[in-house]
Amino acid sequence: MFLIRRPSQLEIEQFIDRSRELPLSYDTIGVARENPGGFKIDEATAVLGHGAETFARARTALMQWRHFELGWVELYPRNAAVEPGTVVAVLVRHLGFWSLNGCRVVYSTGEQEVDWTFGFAYGTLTNHGECGEELFEVSFNSESGQVTHRIRAVSKPRAMLARLGYPITRFFQNRFRRDSIAAMKRATD
């Protein structure tokens, strides 16, 4: 949903309520783990630090959606669970207008064997400007002690404005990944 002004808190809450019953805008849950045809695949990975304590901070930061503390992107509700079925709204300010986009957490990841991982993916709903899935994950390599943050997105434009302004859409997607990684670095310092 594209808007000429910032929506009120009530409008955001109503948007989330309407979004709960909407279907995903794509067919297969787990598409962010694949390389599907017709989708743009983007991945960014960065080292957040070292050690089990850094991993614990990174895990907590991801659970608190700290990777959305960007100033120009906001997540509602702010305290949303990262459990499958949770519906969120992503509010984005772009070039003088706003967009409000519905997403649903579709799966979580996590293993605690030799390499520890924690993460989740959300999928776009039919009221989102894009179509696809995005995975957010932190991992701890017990041998090197390295803690990394990974974002993997599989997307294509769905809304007419997203298609018409595809180069601008791509700019904002790239900016999101860069800024989101920086937010996770701040959250784990």
N, C-alpha and C. Protein backbone atom coordinates (compact mmCIF):
# COMPACT_ATOMS: atom_id res chain seq x y z
N MET A 1 0.84 -1.16 0.00
CA MET A 1 0.00 0.00 0.00
C MET A 1 0.90 1.24 0.00
N PHE A 2 0.75 2.10 -0.99
CA PHE A 2 1.53 3.32 -1.09
C PHE A 2 0.69 4.49 -0.58
N LEU A 3 1.33 5.39 0.18
CA LEU A 3 0.63 6.49 0.85
C LEU A 3 1.39 7.79 0.64
N ILE A 4 0.65 8.90 0.60
CA ILE A 4 1.30 10.21 0.44
C ILE A 4 1.68 10.82 1.79
N ARG A 5 1.20 10.22 2.88
CA ARG A 5 1.56 10.69 4.21
C ARG A 5 1.82 9.49 5.11
N ARG A 6 2.51 9.74 6.22
CA ARG A 6 2.78 8.68 7.18
C ARG A 6 1.45 8.23 7.80
N PRO A 7 1.17 6.92 7.84
CA PRO A 7 -0.07 6.45 8.46
C PRO A 7 -0.02 6.62 9.98
N SER A 8 -1.18 6.80 10.59
CA SER A 8 -1.25 6.90 12.04
C SER A 8 -1.07 5.51 12.67
N GLN A 9 -0.86 5.50 13.97
CA GLN A 9 -0.74 4.23 14.69
C GLN A 9 -2.00 3.40 14.49
N LEU A 10 -3.18 4.02 14.55
CA LEU A 10 -4.44 3.31 14.36
C LEU A 10 -4.52 2.72 12.95
N GLU A 11 -4.11 3.48 11.95
CA GLU A 11 -4.13 2.97 10.57
C GLU A 11 -3.19 1.77 10.41
N ILE A 12 -2.04 1.82 11.08
CA ILE A 12 -1.10 0.70 11.02
C ILE A 12 -1.71 -0.53 11.69
N GLU A 13 -2.32 -0.35 12.85
CA GLU A 13 -2.96 -1.47 13.55
C GLU A 13 -4.08 -2.07 12.71
N GLN A 14 -4.88 -1.24 12.06
CA GLN A 14 -5.96 -1.74 11.19
C GLN A 14 -5.38 -2.50 9.99
N PHE A 15 -4.29 -2.00 9.45
CA PHE A 15 -3.62 -2.68 8.34
C PHE A 15 -3.17 -4.08 8.77
N ILE A 16 -2.55 -4.17 9.96
CA ILE A 16 -2.11 -5.47 10.47
C ILE A 16 -3.30 -6.40 10.66
N ASP A 17 -4.38 -5.89 11.23
CA ASP A 17 -5.58 -6.71 11.44
C ASP A 17 -6.10 -7.27 10.11
N ARG A 18 -6.16 -6.42 9.08
CA ARG A 18 -6.64 -6.88 7.77
C ARG A 18 -5.66 -7.87 7.13
N SER A 19 -4.39 -7.72 7.45
CA SER A 19 -3.35 -8.56 6.86
C SER A 19 -3.36 -9.99 7.39
N ARG A 20 -3.87 -10.20 8.58
CA ARG A 20 -3.79 -11.52 9.23
C ARG A 20 -4.40 -12.63 8.39
N GLU A 21 -5.45 -12.34 7.65
CA GLU A 21 -6.14 -13.37 6.87
C GLU A 21 -5.67 -13.45 5.42
N LEU A 22 -4.76 -12.58 5.03
CA LEU A 22 -4.29 -12.57 3.63
C LEU A 22 -3.35 -13.74 3.36
N PRO A 23 -3.36 -14.23 2.13
CA PRO A 23 -2.41 -15.28 1.76
C PRO A 23 -1.04 -14.69 1.42
N LEU A 24 -0.05 -15.55 1.38
CA LEU A 24 1.26 -15.15 0.89
C LEU A 24 1.14 -14.80 -0.59
N SER A 25 2.01 -13.94 -1.08
CA SER A 25 1.96 -13.53 -2.48
C SER A 25 2.81 -14.41 -3.40
N TYR A 26 3.28 -15.52 -2.87
CA TYR A 26 4.09 -16.46 -3.65
C TYR A 26 3.67 -17.87 -3.24
N ASP A 27 4.13 -18.87 -3.99
CA ASP A 27 3.60 -20.22 -3.84
C ASP A 27 4.27 -21.09 -2.77
N THR A 28 5.58 -21.09 -2.71
CA THR A 28 6.28 -22.10 -1.91
C THR A 28 7.02 -21.50 -0.73
N ILE A 29 6.62 -21.86 0.49
CA ILE A 29 7.36 -21.44 1.68
C ILE A 29 8.73 -22.11 1.63
N GLY A 30 9.75 -21.32 1.93
CA GLY A 30 11.13 -21.82 1.89
C GLY A 30 11.87 -21.37 0.65
N VAL A 31 11.25 -20.53 -0.17
CA VAL A 31 11.84 -20.10 -1.43
C VAL A 31 13.16 -19.34 -1.21
N ALA A 32 13.34 -18.73 -0.02
CA ALA A 32 14.59 -18.00 0.25
C ALA A 32 15.77 -18.95 0.40
N ARG A 33 15.51 -20.23 0.57
CA ARG A 33 16.58 -21.23 0.67
C ARG A 33 16.94 -21.78 -0.70
N GLU A 34 16.21 -21.36 -1.73
CA GLU A 34 16.40 -21.90 -3.08
C GLU A 34 16.88 -20.81 -4.02
N ASN A 35 17.02 -21.16 -5.28
CA ASN A 35 17.37 -20.22 -6.35
C ASN A 35 16.31 -20.28 -7.44
N PRO A 36 15.09 -19.80 -7.13
CA PRO A 36 13.98 -19.95 -8.08
C PRO A 36 14.11 -19.02 -9.29
N GLY A 37 13.66 -19.51 -10.41
CA GLY A 37 13.64 -18.70 -11.62
C GLY A 37 12.62 -17.58 -11.49
N GLY A 38 12.90 -16.45 -12.12
CA GLY A 38 11.98 -15.33 -12.12
C GLY A 38 12.09 -14.42 -10.91
N PHE A 39 12.93 -14.78 -9.95
CA PHE A 39 13.12 -13.98 -8.75
C PHE A 39 14.54 -13.42 -8.73
N LYS A 40 14.70 -12.25 -8.17
CA LYS A 40 16.02 -11.68 -7.93
C LYS A 40 16.50 -12.23 -6.59
N ILE A 41 17.73 -12.73 -6.56
CA ILE A 41 18.28 -13.31 -5.34
C ILE A 41 19.38 -12.37 -4.83
N ASP A 42 19.24 -11.97 -3.57
CA ASP A 42 20.21 -11.08 -2.95
C ASP A 42 20.66 -11.68 -1.63
N GLU A 43 21.94 -11.58 -1.36
CA GLU A 43 22.46 -12.08 -0.10
C GLU A 43 23.56 -11.16 0.39
N ALA A 44 23.53 -10.90 1.69
CA ALA A 44 24.58 -10.10 2.32
C ALA A 44 24.95 -10.79 3.62
N THR A 45 26.24 -10.88 3.88
CA THR A 45 26.75 -11.50 5.10
C THR A 45 27.83 -10.61 5.68
N ALA A 46 27.83 -10.49 7.01
CA ALA A 46 28.85 -9.69 7.67
C ALA A 46 29.22 -10.31 9.00
N VAL A 47 30.47 -10.13 9.39
CA VAL A 47 30.94 -10.59 10.70
C VAL A 47 30.52 -9.54 11.73
N LEU A 48 29.85 -10.02 12.78
CA LEU A 48 29.42 -9.13 13.86
C LEU A 48 30.43 -9.09 15.01
N GLY A 49 31.26 -10.11 15.10
CA GLY A 49 32.23 -10.18 16.18
C GLY A 49 32.61 -11.62 16.44
N HIS A 50 33.05 -11.88 17.66
CA HIS A 50 33.52 -13.21 18.01
C HIS A 50 33.00 -13.61 19.39
N GLY A 51 32.81 -14.89 19.57
CA GLY A 51 32.49 -15.44 20.88
C GLY A 51 31.02 -15.72 21.12
N ALA A 52 30.80 -16.62 22.08
CA ALA A 52 29.45 -17.04 22.43
C ALA A 52 28.60 -15.88 22.96
N GLU A 53 29.22 -14.94 23.67
CA GLU A 53 28.47 -13.80 24.19
C GLU A 53 27.96 -12.91 23.05
N THR A 54 28.79 -12.71 22.04
CA THR A 54 28.36 -11.93 20.88
C THR A 54 27.22 -12.64 20.17
N PHE A 55 27.32 -13.98 20.04
CA PHE A 55 26.22 -14.73 19.43
C PHE A 55 24.93 -14.56 20.23
N ALA A 56 25.03 -14.62 21.54
CA ALA A 56 23.83 -14.46 22.39
C ALA A 56 23.22 -13.07 22.18
N ARG A 57 24.06 -12.03 22.10
CA ARG A 57 23.55 -10.67 21.85
C ARG A 57 22.92 -10.58 20.46
N ALA A 58 23.55 -11.22 19.48
CA ALA A 58 23.03 -11.19 18.11
C ALA A 58 21.69 -11.91 18.02
N ARG A 59 21.58 -13.03 18.69
CA ARG A 59 20.32 -13.80 18.72
C ARG A 59 19.20 -12.96 19.34
N THR A 60 19.51 -12.32 20.48
CA THR A 60 18.52 -11.46 21.14
C THR A 60 18.14 -10.29 20.24
N ALA A 61 19.13 -9.68 19.60
CA ALA A 61 18.86 -8.54 18.70
C ALA A 61 17.93 -8.96 17.55
N LEU A 62 18.17 -10.13 17.00
CA LEU A 62 17.32 -10.62 15.91
C LEU A 62 15.90 -10.87 16.41
N MET A 63 15.78 -11.46 17.59
CA MET A 63 14.45 -11.72 18.17
C MET A 63 13.70 -10.43 18.47
N GLN A 64 14.42 -9.34 18.70
CA GLN A 64 13.82 -8.04 18.98
C GLN A 64 13.69 -7.17 17.74
N TRP A 65 13.97 -7.75 16.57
CA TRP A 65 13.87 -7.04 15.29
C TRP A 65 14.75 -5.79 15.28
N ARG A 66 15.90 -5.82 15.95
CA ARG A 66 16.78 -4.66 15.99
C ARG A 66 17.35 -4.34 14.60
N HIS A 67 17.34 -5.33 13.71
CA HIS A 67 17.83 -5.11 12.35
C HIS A 67 16.90 -4.22 11.54
N PHE A 68 15.76 -3.83 12.12
CA PHE A 68 14.83 -2.90 11.48
C PHE A 68 14.93 -1.50 12.09
N GLU A 69 15.85 -1.25 12.98
CA GLU A 69 16.01 0.07 13.59
C GLU A 69 16.86 0.93 12.66
N LEU A 70 16.23 1.43 11.62
CA LEU A 70 16.95 2.11 10.54
C LEU A 70 16.59 3.58 10.38
N GLY A 71 15.51 4.01 10.98
CA GLY A 71 15.06 5.39 10.80
C GLY A 71 14.12 5.55 9.63
N TRP A 72 14.43 4.98 8.51
CA TRP A 72 13.57 5.10 7.32
C TRP A 72 12.71 3.86 7.10
N VAL A 73 12.95 2.80 7.87
CA VAL A 73 12.14 1.58 7.86
C VAL A 73 11.73 1.29 9.30
N GLU A 74 10.46 0.94 9.49
CA GLU A 74 9.97 0.62 10.83
C GLU A 74 9.16 -0.66 10.76
N LEU A 75 9.18 -1.42 11.84
CA LEU A 75 8.43 -2.66 11.90
C LEU A 75 7.35 -2.55 12.98
N TYR A 76 6.15 -3.03 12.66
CA TYR A 76 5.02 -3.03 13.60
C TYR A 76 4.39 -4.41 13.64
N PRO A 77 3.95 -4.89 14.81
CA PRO A 77 4.21 -4.27 16.09
C PRO A 77 5.69 -4.43 16.46
N ARG A 78 6.20 -3.50 17.20
CA ARG A 78 7.63 -3.47 17.53
C ARG A 78 8.08 -4.69 18.34
N ASN A 79 7.19 -5.28 19.08
CA ASN A 79 7.53 -6.43 19.93
C ASN A 79 7.03 -7.75 19.34
N ALA A 80 6.91 -7.81 18.03
CA ALA A 80 6.36 -9.01 17.36
C ALA A 80 7.23 -10.24 17.63
N ALA A 81 6.55 -11.35 17.85
CA ALA A 81 7.26 -12.63 18.01
C ALA A 81 7.86 -13.04 16.67
N VAL A 82 8.96 -13.77 16.72
CA VAL A 82 9.59 -14.26 15.48
C VAL A 82 9.21 -15.72 15.27
N GLU A 83 7.96 -16.03 15.53
CA GLU A 83 7.43 -17.39 15.39
C GLU A 83 6.56 -17.48 14.15
N PRO A 84 6.59 -18.64 13.48
CA PRO A 84 5.75 -18.81 12.30
C PRO A 84 4.30 -18.44 12.58
N GLY A 85 3.72 -17.67 11.66
CA GLY A 85 2.34 -17.22 11.77
C GLY A 85 2.21 -15.77 12.20
N THR A 86 3.27 -15.20 12.77
CA THR A 86 3.23 -13.81 13.21
C THR A 86 3.15 -12.89 12.00
N VAL A 87 2.19 -11.95 12.03
CA VAL A 87 2.02 -10.99 10.94
C VAL A 87 2.57 -9.64 11.40
N VAL A 88 3.35 -9.03 10.52
CA VAL A 88 3.95 -7.72 10.80
C VAL A 88 3.69 -6.79 9.62
N ALA A 89 3.83 -5.50 9.91
CA ALA A 89 3.76 -4.47 8.86
C ALA A 89 5.11 -3.78 8.81
N VAL A 90 5.63 -3.61 7.61
CA VAL A 90 6.89 -2.90 7.40
C VAL A 90 6.53 -1.56 6.77
N LEU A 91 6.85 -0.49 7.50
CA LEU A 91 6.59 0.87 7.03
C LEU A 91 7.89 1.44 6.48
N VAL A 92 7.86 1.91 5.24
CA VAL A 92 9.06 2.42 4.59
C VAL A 92 8.80 3.83 4.07
N ARG A 93 9.75 4.72 4.35
CA ARG A 93 9.69 6.08 3.80
C ARG A 93 10.61 6.14 2.59
N HIS A 94 10.04 6.46 1.43
CA HIS A 94 10.84 6.58 0.22
C HIS A 94 10.51 7.87 -0.51
N LEU A 95 11.47 8.59 -0.90
CA LEU A 95 11.37 9.72 -1.82
C LEU A 95 10.09 10.54 -1.65
N GLY A 96 9.73 10.88 -0.43
CA GLY A 96 8.57 11.74 -0.19
C GLY A 96 7.25 11.03 -0.02
N PHE A 97 7.22 9.72 -0.10
CA PHE A 97 5.98 8.99 0.17
C PHE A 97 6.30 7.79 1.03
N TRP A 98 5.27 7.08 1.43
CA TRP A 98 5.38 5.95 2.35
C TRP A 98 4.79 4.71 1.72
N SER A 99 5.27 3.55 2.16
CA SER A 99 4.61 2.30 1.80
C SER A 99 4.45 1.48 3.06
N LEU A 100 3.35 0.77 3.12
CA LEU A 100 3.03 -0.11 4.23
C LEU A 100 2.87 -1.50 3.63
N ASN A 101 3.64 -2.46 4.12
CA ASN A 101 3.75 -3.77 3.50
C ASN A 101 3.53 -4.89 4.52
N GLY A 102 2.64 -5.82 4.21
CA GLY A 102 2.35 -6.92 5.11
C GLY A 102 3.25 -8.12 4.87
N CYS A 103 3.71 -8.73 5.98
CA CYS A 103 4.55 -9.93 5.93
C CYS A 103 4.12 -10.89 7.03
N ARG A 104 4.42 -12.16 6.81
CA ARG A 104 4.15 -13.19 7.82
C ARG A 104 5.42 -14.00 8.05
N VAL A 105 5.77 -14.21 9.32
CA VAL A 105 6.89 -15.09 9.63
C VAL A 105 6.48 -16.50 9.19
N VAL A 106 7.30 -17.13 8.34
CA VAL A 106 6.91 -18.42 7.76
C VAL A 106 7.71 -19.60 8.28
N TYR A 107 8.91 -19.39 8.78
CA TYR A 107 9.67 -20.47 9.40
C TYR A 107 10.82 -19.90 10.21
N SER A 108 11.37 -20.74 11.06
CA SER A 108 12.54 -20.35 11.83
C SER A 108 13.66 -21.34 11.54
N THR A 109 14.87 -20.93 11.83
CA THR A 109 16.03 -21.80 11.66
C THR A 109 16.76 -21.88 12.98
N GLY A 110 17.50 -22.92 13.17
CA GLY A 110 18.30 -23.01 14.38
C GLY A 110 18.85 -24.39 14.59
N GLU A 111 20.14 -24.44 14.78
CA GLU A 111 20.84 -25.67 15.11
C GLU A 111 21.89 -25.32 16.14
N GLN A 112 22.13 -26.20 17.07
CA GLN A 112 23.15 -25.93 18.07
C GLN A 112 24.03 -27.17 18.23
N GLU A 113 24.75 -27.43 17.16
CA GLU A 113 25.67 -28.57 17.18
C GLU A 113 27.08 -28.00 17.12
N VAL A 114 27.81 -28.25 16.06
CA VAL A 114 29.15 -27.67 15.92
C VAL A 114 29.03 -26.18 15.61
N ASP A 115 28.20 -25.83 14.64
CA ASP A 115 27.92 -24.43 14.32
C ASP A 115 26.52 -24.10 14.79
N TRP A 116 26.38 -23.03 15.54
CA TRP A 116 25.08 -22.62 16.05
C TRP A 116 24.47 -21.62 15.08
N THR A 117 23.17 -21.74 14.83
CA THR A 117 22.47 -20.77 14.00
C THR A 117 21.13 -20.45 14.64
N PHE A 118 20.66 -19.26 14.36
CA PHE A 118 19.33 -18.85 14.78
C PHE A 118 18.82 -17.86 13.75
N GLY A 119 17.58 -18.01 13.36
CA GLY A 119 17.02 -17.06 12.42
C GLY A 119 15.58 -17.35 12.10
N PHE A 120 15.06 -16.56 11.20
CA PHE A 120 13.69 -16.73 10.74
C PHE A 120 13.54 -16.07 9.38
N ALA A 121 12.47 -16.45 8.71
CA ALA A 121 12.15 -15.84 7.42
C ALA A 121 10.73 -15.33 7.46
N TYR A 122 10.52 -14.24 6.75
CA TYR A 122 9.14 -13.82 6.56
C TYR A 122 8.84 -13.77 5.08
N GLY A 123 7.56 -13.99 4.78
CA GLY A 123 7.11 -13.96 3.40
C GLY A 123 6.17 -12.79 3.19
N THR A 124 6.14 -12.31 1.96
CA THR A 124 5.27 -11.18 1.64
C THR A 124 3.83 -11.63 1.49
N LEU A 125 2.93 -10.79 1.96
CA LEU A 125 1.50 -11.02 1.79
C LEU A 125 1.04 -10.29 0.53
N THR A 126 -0.20 -10.49 0.15
CA THR A 126 -0.71 -9.91 -1.10
C THR A 126 -0.89 -8.40 -1.03
N ASN A 127 -0.68 -7.78 0.14
CA ASN A 127 -0.72 -6.32 0.24
C ASN A 127 0.68 -5.71 0.34
N HIS A 128 1.67 -6.45 -0.08
CA HIS A 128 3.07 -6.01 -0.09
C HIS A 128 3.45 -5.60 -1.51
N GLY A 129 4.29 -4.59 -1.63
CA GLY A 129 4.72 -4.12 -2.95
C GLY A 129 5.59 -5.12 -3.69
N GLU A 130 6.23 -6.02 -2.96
CA GLU A 130 7.09 -7.05 -3.53
C GLU A 130 6.47 -8.42 -3.33
N CYS A 131 7.05 -9.39 -3.98
CA CYS A 131 6.63 -10.78 -3.85
C CYS A 131 7.89 -11.58 -3.52
N GLY A 132 7.86 -12.31 -2.39
CA GLY A 132 9.02 -13.13 -2.07
C GLY A 132 9.20 -13.36 -0.59
N GLU A 133 10.42 -13.74 -0.24
CA GLU A 133 10.72 -14.17 1.12
C GLU A 133 12.10 -13.64 1.51
N GLU A 134 12.26 -13.32 2.79
CA GLU A 134 13.54 -12.82 3.27
C GLU A 134 13.92 -13.57 4.54
N LEU A 135 15.16 -14.04 4.57
CA LEU A 135 15.70 -14.81 5.69
C LEU A 135 16.71 -13.96 6.43
N PHE A 136 16.57 -13.91 7.76
CA PHE A 136 17.50 -13.21 8.64
C PHE A 136 18.09 -14.25 9.58
N GLU A 137 19.41 -14.32 9.63
CA GLU A 137 20.04 -15.39 10.39
C GLU A 137 21.36 -14.92 11.01
N VAL A 138 21.62 -15.40 12.23
CA VAL A 138 22.92 -15.21 12.86
C VAL A 138 23.51 -16.58 13.13
N SER A 139 24.82 -16.68 13.06
CA SER A 139 25.46 -17.97 13.30
C SER A 139 26.76 -17.78 14.06
N PHE A 140 27.14 -18.84 14.75
CA PHE A 140 28.36 -18.87 15.54
C PHE A 140 29.16 -20.10 15.12
N ASN A 141 30.38 -19.88 14.66
CA ASN A 141 31.27 -20.96 14.29
C ASN A 141 32.14 -21.26 15.50
N SER A 142 31.96 -22.44 16.08
CA SER A 142 32.66 -22.77 17.32
C SER A 142 34.18 -22.92 17.12
N GLU A 143 34.63 -23.22 15.93
CA GLU A 143 36.07 -23.36 15.68
C GLU A 143 36.76 -22.00 15.61
N SER A 144 36.19 -21.10 14.81
CA SER A 144 36.82 -19.78 14.65
C SER A 144 36.32 -18.77 15.68
N GLY A 145 35.17 -19.05 16.28
CA GLY A 145 34.56 -18.11 17.22
C GLY A 145 33.83 -16.97 16.54
N GLN A 146 33.77 -17.00 15.22
CA GLN A 146 33.19 -15.91 14.44
C GLN A 146 31.65 -15.94 14.49
N VAL A 147 31.07 -14.76 14.69
CA VAL A 147 29.61 -14.60 14.67
C VAL A 147 29.27 -13.80 13.42
N THR A 148 28.39 -14.35 12.60
CA THR A 148 28.00 -13.69 11.35
C THR A 148 26.50 -13.45 11.31
N HIS A 149 26.14 -12.46 10.53
CA HIS A 149 24.74 -12.13 10.27
C HIS A 149 24.53 -12.25 8.76
N ARG A 150 23.47 -12.93 8.38
CA ARG A 150 23.18 -13.14 6.96
C ARG A 150 21.75 -12.73 6.67
N ILE A 151 21.60 -12.03 5.54
CA ILE A 151 20.28 -11.70 5.00
C ILE A 151 20.23 -12.28 3.60
N ARG A 152 19.22 -13.07 3.33
CA ARG A 152 19.04 -13.63 1.99
C ARG A 152 17.60 -13.35 1.57
N ALA A 153 17.47 -12.67 0.44
CA ALA A 153 16.15 -12.29 -0.05
C ALA A 153 15.94 -12.84 -1.46
N VAL A 154 14.73 -13.31 -1.69
CA VAL A 154 14.31 -13.78 -3.00
C VAL A 154 13.05 -12.98 -3.31
N SER A 155 13.11 -12.14 -4.34
CA SER A 155 11.98 -11.23 -4.56
C SER A 155 11.79 -10.87 -6.02
N LYS A 156 10.61 -10.35 -6.28
CA LYS A 156 10.31 -9.72 -7.56
C LYS A 156 9.20 -8.70 -7.30
N PRO A 157 9.15 -7.65 -8.11
CA PRO A 157 8.13 -6.63 -7.88
C PRO A 157 6.72 -7.18 -8.14
N ARG A 158 5.77 -6.77 -7.29
CA ARG A 158 4.39 -7.21 -7.44
C ARG A 158 3.48 -6.03 -7.77
N ALA A 159 3.59 -4.94 -7.00
CA ALA A 159 2.76 -3.76 -7.22
C ALA A 159 3.23 -3.01 -8.47
N MET A 160 2.30 -2.34 -9.11
CA MET A 160 2.62 -1.59 -10.33
C MET A 160 3.71 -0.55 -10.08
N LEU A 161 3.63 0.19 -8.98
CA LEU A 161 4.67 1.20 -8.70
C LEU A 161 6.03 0.55 -8.49
N ALA A 162 6.07 -0.61 -7.87
CA ALA A 162 7.35 -1.32 -7.67
C ALA A 162 7.92 -1.76 -9.01
N ARG A 163 7.04 -2.15 -9.93
CA ARG A 163 7.51 -2.56 -11.26
C ARG A 163 7.99 -1.36 -12.08
N LEU A 164 7.20 -0.30 -12.04
CA LEU A 164 7.57 0.90 -12.82
C LEU A 164 8.86 1.53 -12.30
N GLY A 165 9.04 1.51 -10.99
CA GLY A 165 10.22 2.12 -10.40
C GLY A 165 11.25 1.09 -9.97
N TYR A 166 11.39 0.01 -10.75
CA TYR A 166 12.25 -1.10 -10.34
C TYR A 166 13.68 -0.69 -9.99
N PRO A 167 14.33 0.19 -10.75
CA PRO A 167 15.69 0.60 -10.34
C PRO A 167 15.70 1.27 -8.96
N ILE A 168 14.67 2.03 -8.66
CA ILE A 168 14.57 2.68 -7.35
C ILE A 168 14.28 1.63 -6.29
N THR A 169 13.41 0.68 -6.61
CA THR A 169 13.12 -0.42 -5.69
C THR A 169 14.40 -1.16 -5.34
N ARG A 170 15.21 -1.46 -6.35
CA ARG A 170 16.47 -2.18 -6.12
C ARG A 170 17.41 -1.35 -5.23
N PHE A 171 17.44 -0.03 -5.45
CA PHE A 171 18.26 0.84 -4.61
C PHE A 171 17.86 0.69 -3.14
N PHE A 172 16.56 0.74 -2.86
CA PHE A 172 16.09 0.64 -1.48
C PHE A 172 16.30 -0.76 -0.90
N GLN A 173 16.19 -1.79 -1.71
CA GLN A 173 16.47 -3.14 -1.21
C GLN A 173 17.94 -3.27 -0.80
N ASN A 174 18.84 -2.76 -1.64
CA ASN A 174 20.26 -2.80 -1.32
C ASN A 174 20.57 -1.96 -0.09
N ARG A 175 19.95 -0.79 0.00
CA ARG A 175 20.15 0.07 1.17
C ARG A 175 19.65 -0.64 2.43
N PHE A 176 18.51 -1.33 2.34
CA PHE A 176 18.00 -2.04 3.51
C PHE A 176 19.02 -3.05 4.02
N ARG A 177 19.56 -3.87 3.13
CA ARG A 177 20.53 -4.88 3.56
C ARG A 177 21.75 -4.23 4.23
N ARG A 178 22.27 -3.20 3.61
CA ARG A 178 23.45 -2.51 4.16
C ARG A 178 23.13 -1.90 5.53
N ASP A 179 22.02 -1.19 5.63
CA ASP A 179 21.65 -0.53 6.89
C ASP A 179 21.26 -1.53 7.97
N SER A 180 20.63 -2.63 7.56
CA SER A 180 20.22 -3.65 8.51
C SER A 180 21.44 -4.34 9.14
N ILE A 181 22.45 -4.60 8.35
CA ILE A 181 23.68 -5.17 8.89
C ILE A 181 24.34 -4.19 9.85
N ALA A 182 24.36 -2.92 9.49
CA ALA A 182 24.93 -1.91 10.39
C ALA A 182 24.15 -1.85 11.71
N ALA A 183 22.84 -1.98 11.64
CA ALA A 183 22.01 -1.98 12.85
C ALA A 183 22.34 -3.18 13.74
N MET A 184 22.56 -4.33 13.13
CA MET A 184 22.93 -5.52 13.91
C MET A 184 24.32 -5.35 14.54
N LYS A 185 25.22 -4.71 13.84
CA LYS A 185 26.55 -4.45 14.42
C LYS A 185 26.43 -3.54 15.64
N ARG A 186 25.59 -2.51 15.55
CA ARG A 186 25.36 -1.62 16.70
C ARG A 186 24.74 -2.38 17.86
N ALA A 187 23.81 -3.27 17.55
CA ALA A 187 23.08 -4.00 18.58
C ALA A 187 23.94 -5.03 19.30
N THR A 188 25.04 -5.44 18.68
CA THR A 188 25.86 -6.47 19.30
C THR A 188 27.17 -5.95 19.87
N ASP A 189 27.43 -4.64 19.74
CA ASP A 189 28.66 -4.06 20.30
C ASP A 189 28.63 -4.10 21.82
